[in-house]
Amino acid sequence: MMKLARVKAASATLSKKFASSGVDVLCCNAGVMALRDLATADGYDVQMQTNHLSHFLLRPSGSGASKKN
């Protein structure tokens, strides 16, 4: 969750794996709190990227994997 490129790669893997069957539930539950004010390699606050941005990117939206045809 700390590197957006890895999150995007994981999303692509999920999209390919579940392209035909779809994903019924994706529970994005990773989170951190009470860390020093640091930035990730992508330039975002660690807590914001881990708790919010990465979850949004992980969801295979628009790929068809999140819904059955």
C-alpha atoms as a PDB file:
ATOM      1  CA  MET A   1       0.000   0.000   0.000  1.00  0.00           C
ATOM      2  CA  MET A   2       3.048   2.237   0.363  1.00  0.00           C
ATOM      3  CA  LYS A   3       3.982   2.161  -3.335  1.00  0.00           C
ATOM      4  CA  LEU A   4       1.271   3.004  -5.851  1.00  0.00           C
ATOM      5  CA  ALA A   5       3.036   1.109  -8.652  1.00  0.00           C
ATOM      6  CA  ARG A   6       2.744  -2.123  -6.649  1.00  0.00           C
ATOM      7  CA  VAL A   7      -0.915  -1.434  -5.898  1.00  0.00           C
ATOM      8  CA  LYS A   8      -1.602  -0.879  -9.606  1.00  0.00           C
ATOM      9  CA  ALA A   9       0.208  -4.143 -10.421  1.00  0.00           C
ATOM     10  CA  ALA A  10      -1.903  -5.999  -7.850  1.00  0.00           C
ATOM     11  CA  SER A  11      -5.055  -4.471  -9.328  1.00  0.00           C
ATOM     12  CA  ALA A  12      -4.030  -5.615 -12.803  1.00  0.00           C
ATOM     13  CA  THR A  13      -3.411  -9.128 -11.479  1.00  0.00           C
ATOM     14  CA  LEU A  14      -6.842  -9.216  -9.825  1.00  0.00           C
ATOM     15  CA  SER A  15      -8.482  -7.901 -12.989  1.00  0.00           C
ATOM     16  CA  LYS A  16      -6.935 -10.651 -15.102  1.00  0.00           C
ATOM     17  CA  LYS A  17      -7.609 -13.416 -12.578  1.00  0.00           C
ATOM     18  CA  PHE A  18     -11.273 -12.523 -12.129  1.00  0.00           C
ATOM     19  CA  ALA A  19     -12.073 -11.176 -15.606  1.00  0.00           C
ATOM     20  CA  SER A  20     -14.606 -13.903 -16.377  1.00  0.00           C
ATOM     21  CA  SER A  21     -16.119 -14.517 -12.935  1.00  0.00           C
ATOM     22  CA  GLY A  22     -16.063 -11.016 -11.437  1.00  0.00           C
ATOM     23  CA  VAL A  23     -15.394  -9.987  -7.855  1.00  0.00           C
ATOM     24  CA  ASP A  24     -18.304 -10.106  -5.431  1.00  0.00           C
ATOM     25  CA  VAL A  25     -16.538  -8.595  -2.410  1.00  0.00           C
ATOM     26  CA  LEU A  26     -13.232  -6.789  -1.995  1.00  0.00           C
ATOM     27  CA  CYS A  27     -12.562  -5.851   1.632  1.00  0.00           C
ATOM     28  CA  CYS A  28      -9.967  -3.074   1.756  1.00  0.00           C
ATOM     29  CA  ASN A  29      -9.011  -3.093   5.403  1.00  0.00           C
ATOM     30  CA  ALA A  30      -5.333  -2.057   5.522  1.00  0.00           C
ATOM     31  CA  GLY A  31      -4.655   1.018   7.552  1.00  0.00           C
ATOM     32  CA  VAL A  32      -2.125   2.864   9.646  1.00  0.00           C
ATOM     33  CA  MET A  33      -2.364   5.681  12.162  1.00  0.00           C
ATOM     34  CA  ALA A  34      -0.316   7.760  14.547  1.00  0.00           C
ATOM     35  CA  LEU A  35       2.793   7.768  12.366  1.00  0.00           C
ATOM     36  CA  ARG A  36       5.282  10.584  12.017  1.00  0.00           C
ATOM     37  CA  ASP A  37       4.456  13.053   9.270  1.00  0.00           C
ATOM     38  CA  LEU A  38       6.277  11.340   6.403  1.00  0.00           C
ATOM     39  CA  ALA A  39       5.777  11.186   2.667  1.00  0.00           C
ATOM     40  CA  THR A  40       5.741   8.008   0.598  1.00  0.00           C
ATOM     41  CA  ALA A  41       7.972   7.541  -2.438  1.00  0.00           C
ATOM     42  CA  ASP A  42       4.975   8.774  -4.459  1.00  0.00           C
ATOM     43  CA  GLY A  43       4.907  12.046  -2.505  1.00  0.00           C
ATOM     44  CA  TYR A  44       1.730  11.502  -0.486  1.00  0.00           C
ATOM     45  CA  ASP A  45       1.290  11.412   3.268  1.00  0.00           C
ATOM     46  CA  VAL A  46       1.848   7.835   4.502  1.00  0.00           C
ATOM     47  CA  GLN A  47      -1.500   7.649   6.286  1.00  0.00           C
ATOM     48  CA  MET A  48      -3.476   9.146   3.375  1.00  0.00           C
ATOM     49  CA  GLN A  49      -1.913   6.836   0.801  1.00  0.00           C
ATOM     50  CA  THR A  50      -2.179   3.664   2.901  1.00  0.00           C
ATOM     51  CA  ASN A  51      -5.677   4.267   4.229  1.00  0.00           C
ATOM     52  CA  HIS A  52      -7.357   5.827   1.181  1.00  0.00           C
ATOM     53  CA  LEU A  53      -5.507   6.277  -2.103  1.00  0.00           C
ATOM     54  CA  SER A  54      -4.186   2.722  -2.377  1.00  0.00           C
ATOM     55  CA  HIS A  55      -7.604   1.248  -1.617  1.00  0.00           C
ATOM     56  CA  PHE A  56      -9.124   3.273  -4.442  1.00  0.00           C
ATOM     57  CA  LEU A  57      -6.443   2.103  -6.889  1.00  0.00           C
ATOM     58  CA  LEU A  58      -6.711  -1.524  -5.795  1.00  0.00           C
ATOM     59  CA  ARG A  59     -10.365  -1.728  -6.749  1.00  0.00           C
ATOM     60  CA  PRO A  60     -10.459  -3.031 -10.322  1.00  0.00           C
ATOM     61  CA  SER A  61     -12.892  -0.370 -11.529  1.00  0.00           C
ATOM     62  CA  GLY A  62     -13.515   0.015 -15.205  1.00  0.00           C
ATOM     63  CA  SER A  63     -11.843  -3.284 -15.979  1.00  0.00           C
ATOM     64  CA  GLY A  64     -14.975  -5.387 -15.878  1.00  0.00           C
ATOM     65  CA  ALA A  65     -13.592  -7.530 -13.073  1.00  0.00           C
ATOM     66  CA  SER A  66     -15.737  -5.810 -10.459  1.00  0.00           C
ATOM     67  CA  LYS A  67     -18.985  -6.836 -12.111  1.00  0.00           C
ATOM     68  CA  LYS A  68     -20.304  -9.938 -13.795  1.00  0.00           C
ATOM     69  CA  ASN A  69     -21.412  -9.674 -17.411  1.00  0.00           C
END
